[in-house]
Amino acid sequence: MSLLWLTVKRFKAMVINKLIVIIASILLLCGCSGSGTSVAIEFTNNSSHSIALTDRYGCYTGGTLPPGETKYLSAYNEDSKQYSPNVADFWLMSNIVFIQFDETRKVRTTTERYATEANFEVVYQKRKSAKYTYTFTDADYQFALENGTPLEW
């Protein structure tokens, strides 16, 4: 009887050890998923001009933002080593190259005004994700007049 009891006890111990290894493996695998970089920006247009966020060909990648409206855009990339959760990498991940005003002027997103986090309000910033807000004003349009490129149709 005691030999049977020892055998059952050993079997239970082996099953418990295997379950611990399986559970630990599942937790490790799940912990590694979703390790990409995500950045979100909430844009508000408080200027008197219509704004479009476009790719290098002029296509409305981020859509248009009429005066008085707010738009939430996010970008995600699975290659967490290539991108960081900052504003400059948001533009790269979302493929937005220009900020266009009233279909008359465009400014590159790589200018210091739009690539510097100090110009954005940080909602939260973590190791691989961040959220910012940016409010366009008529000062942005003035910046586009002084530093942007006229659109030719």
Protein backbone atom coordinates (compact mmCIF):
# COMPACT_ATOMS: atom_id res chain seq x y z
CA MET A 1 0.00 0.00 0.00
CA SER A 2 2.78 2.43 0.83
CA LEU A 3 4.53 1.71 -2.50
CA LEU A 4 1.34 2.58 -4.39
CA TRP A 5 0.93 5.70 -2.29
CA LEU A 6 4.54 6.83 -3.07
CA THR A 7 3.99 6.17 -6.78
CA VAL A 8 0.79 8.26 -6.83
CA LYS A 9 2.54 11.04 -4.90
CA ARG A 10 5.46 11.08 -7.38
CA PHE A 11 3.04 11.10 -10.31
CA LYS A 12 1.19 14.10 -8.84
CA ALA A 13 4.49 15.91 -8.30
CA MET A 14 5.50 15.28 -11.94
CA VAL A 15 2.14 16.52 -13.21
CA ILE A 16 2.37 19.66 -11.06
CA ASN A 17 5.95 20.34 -12.26
CA LYS A 18 4.88 19.95 -15.89
CA LEU A 19 1.94 22.30 -15.34
CA ILE A 20 4.26 24.88 -13.79
CA VAL A 21 6.58 24.67 -16.81
CA ILE A 22 3.64 24.96 -19.24
CA ILE A 23 2.13 27.93 -17.40
CA ALA A 24 5.51 29.68 -17.17
CA SER A 25 6.07 29.13 -20.92
CA ILE A 26 2.66 30.56 -21.77
CA LEU A 27 3.29 33.62 -19.61
CA LEU A 28 6.69 34.19 -21.22
CA LEU A 29 5.27 33.88 -24.73
CA CYS A 30 2.38 36.21 -23.98
CA GLY A 31 4.72 38.70 -22.35
CA CYS A 32 6.75 38.95 -25.55
CA SER A 33 3.82 39.61 -27.85
CA GLY A 34 2.80 43.18 -28.53
CA SER A 35 6.31 44.48 -28.04
CA GLY A 36 6.03 46.91 -30.93
CA THR A 37 5.99 50.68 -30.69
CA SER A 38 2.76 52.67 -30.67
CA VAL A 39 2.30 56.43 -30.72
CA ALA A 40 -0.98 58.32 -30.75
CA ILE A 41 -1.57 62.03 -31.22
CA GLU A 42 -4.80 63.93 -30.79
CA PHE A 43 -4.79 66.93 -33.14
CA THR A 44 -7.08 69.89 -32.54
CA ASN A 45 -7.46 72.62 -35.13
CA ASN A 46 -7.95 75.96 -33.36
CA SER A 47 -6.76 77.89 -36.40
CA SER A 48 -8.93 79.56 -39.01
CA HIS A 49 -7.47 77.33 -41.75
CA SER A 50 -8.23 73.83 -42.98
CA ILE A 51 -5.39 71.41 -42.32
CA ALA A 52 -4.50 68.16 -44.10
CA LEU A 53 -1.91 65.60 -43.10
CA THR A 54 -0.43 64.13 -46.28
CA ASP A 55 2.17 61.70 -47.53
CA ARG A 56 5.00 62.75 -49.84
CA TYR A 57 2.70 62.52 -52.88
CA GLY A 58 0.05 64.80 -51.41
CA CYS A 59 -2.43 62.03 -50.58
CA TYR A 60 -4.41 62.66 -47.42
CA THR A 61 -2.83 60.03 -45.18
CA GLY A 62 -4.21 61.49 -41.97
CA GLY A 63 -7.27 63.04 -43.55
CA THR A 64 -8.38 66.64 -43.26
CA LEU A 65 -8.98 68.67 -40.14
CA PRO A 66 -11.40 71.57 -40.61
CA PRO A 67 -11.24 74.53 -38.19
CA GLY A 68 -12.64 73.70 -34.77
CA GLU A 69 -12.38 69.92 -35.12
CA THR A 70 -10.28 67.29 -33.38
CA LYS A 71 -8.82 64.15 -34.89
CA TYR A 72 -7.12 61.23 -33.16
CA LEU A 73 -4.41 59.41 -35.11
CA SER A 74 -2.28 56.50 -34.03
CA ALA A 75 0.62 54.61 -35.53
CA TYR A 76 2.02 51.21 -34.65
CA ASN A 77 5.06 49.27 -35.78
CA GLU A 78 5.94 45.76 -34.69
CA ASP A 79 9.67 46.42 -35.04
CA SER A 80 10.26 47.96 -31.62
CA LYS A 81 14.00 48.29 -32.29
CA GLN A 82 13.44 50.56 -35.29
CA TYR A 83 11.12 53.11 -33.67
CA SER A 84 10.74 54.89 -30.34
CA PRO A 85 7.53 56.25 -28.82
CA ASN A 86 8.21 59.86 -29.77
CA VAL A 87 6.68 62.45 -32.07
CA ALA A 88 9.37 62.23 -34.78
CA ASP A 89 8.85 58.47 -35.12
CA PHE A 90 5.06 58.94 -35.21
CA TRP A 91 5.45 60.83 -38.49
CA LEU A 92 7.61 58.02 -39.91
CA MET A 93 5.33 55.19 -38.78
CA SER A 94 2.19 56.93 -40.06
CA ASN A 95 3.84 57.98 -43.35
CA ILE A 96 2.73 61.58 -42.84
CA VAL A 97 5.32 63.85 -44.45
CA PHE A 98 3.54 67.21 -44.83
CA ILE A 99 1.14 69.39 -42.91
CA GLN A 100 -0.87 71.26 -45.51
CA PHE A 101 -2.80 74.49 -44.91
CA ASP A 102 -5.82 75.46 -47.04
CA GLU A 103 -4.38 73.67 -50.05
CA THR A 104 -1.99 76.61 -50.46
CA ARG A 105 1.05 75.86 -48.26
CA LYS A 106 2.73 72.77 -46.91
CA VAL A 107 5.35 72.26 -44.22
CA ARG A 108 7.45 69.16 -43.64
CA THR A 109 6.75 67.25 -40.45
CA THR A 110 10.51 66.99 -39.95
CA THR A 111 10.81 70.71 -39.15
CA GLU A 112 11.74 71.43 -35.57
CA ARG A 113 8.27 72.79 -34.85
CA TYR A 114 6.57 69.46 -35.57
CA ALA A 115 9.33 66.98 -34.71
CA THR A 116 10.14 68.28 -31.23
CA GLU A 117 8.22 66.78 -28.33
CA ALA A 118 8.47 70.04 -26.38
CA ASN A 119 5.89 71.50 -28.77
CA PHE A 120 3.41 68.70 -27.96
CA GLU A 121 1.59 68.03 -24.73
CA VAL A 122 2.50 64.62 -23.32
CA VAL A 123 -0.56 62.71 -22.13
CA TYR A 124 1.50 59.65 -21.23
CA GLN A 125 4.82 58.17 -22.28
CA LYS A 126 5.93 54.64 -21.55
CA ARG A 127 8.75 52.44 -22.76
CA LYS A 128 7.06 51.45 -26.04
CA SER A 129 3.95 53.61 -26.24
CA ALA A 130 3.03 57.24 -25.91
CA LYS A 131 0.13 59.62 -26.43
CA TYR A 132 0.40 63.32 -27.20
CA THR A 133 -1.87 66.19 -28.05
CA TYR A 134 -1.20 69.07 -30.43
CA THR A 135 -3.30 72.13 -31.07
CA PHE A 136 -2.91 73.94 -34.39
CA THR A 137 -3.31 77.72 -34.18
CA ASP A 138 -2.96 80.58 -36.62
CA ALA A 139 0.69 80.70 -35.54
CA ASP A 140 1.12 77.37 -37.35
CA TYR A 141 -0.26 78.93 -40.52
CA GLN A 142 2.11 81.89 -40.10
CA PHE A 143 4.96 79.38 -39.68
CA ALA A 144 3.87 77.70 -42.93
CA LEU A 145 3.85 81.05 -44.73
CA GLU A 146 7.38 81.80 -43.55
CA ASN A 147 8.91 78.31 -43.81
CA GLY A 148 6.64 76.22 -46.00
CA THR A 149 6.39 75.49 -49.66
CA PRO A 150 3.60 76.89 -51.85
CA LEU A 151 1.42 74.19 -53.39
CA GLU A 152 1.23 74.25 -57.13
CA TRP A 153 -1.83 72.82 -58.83
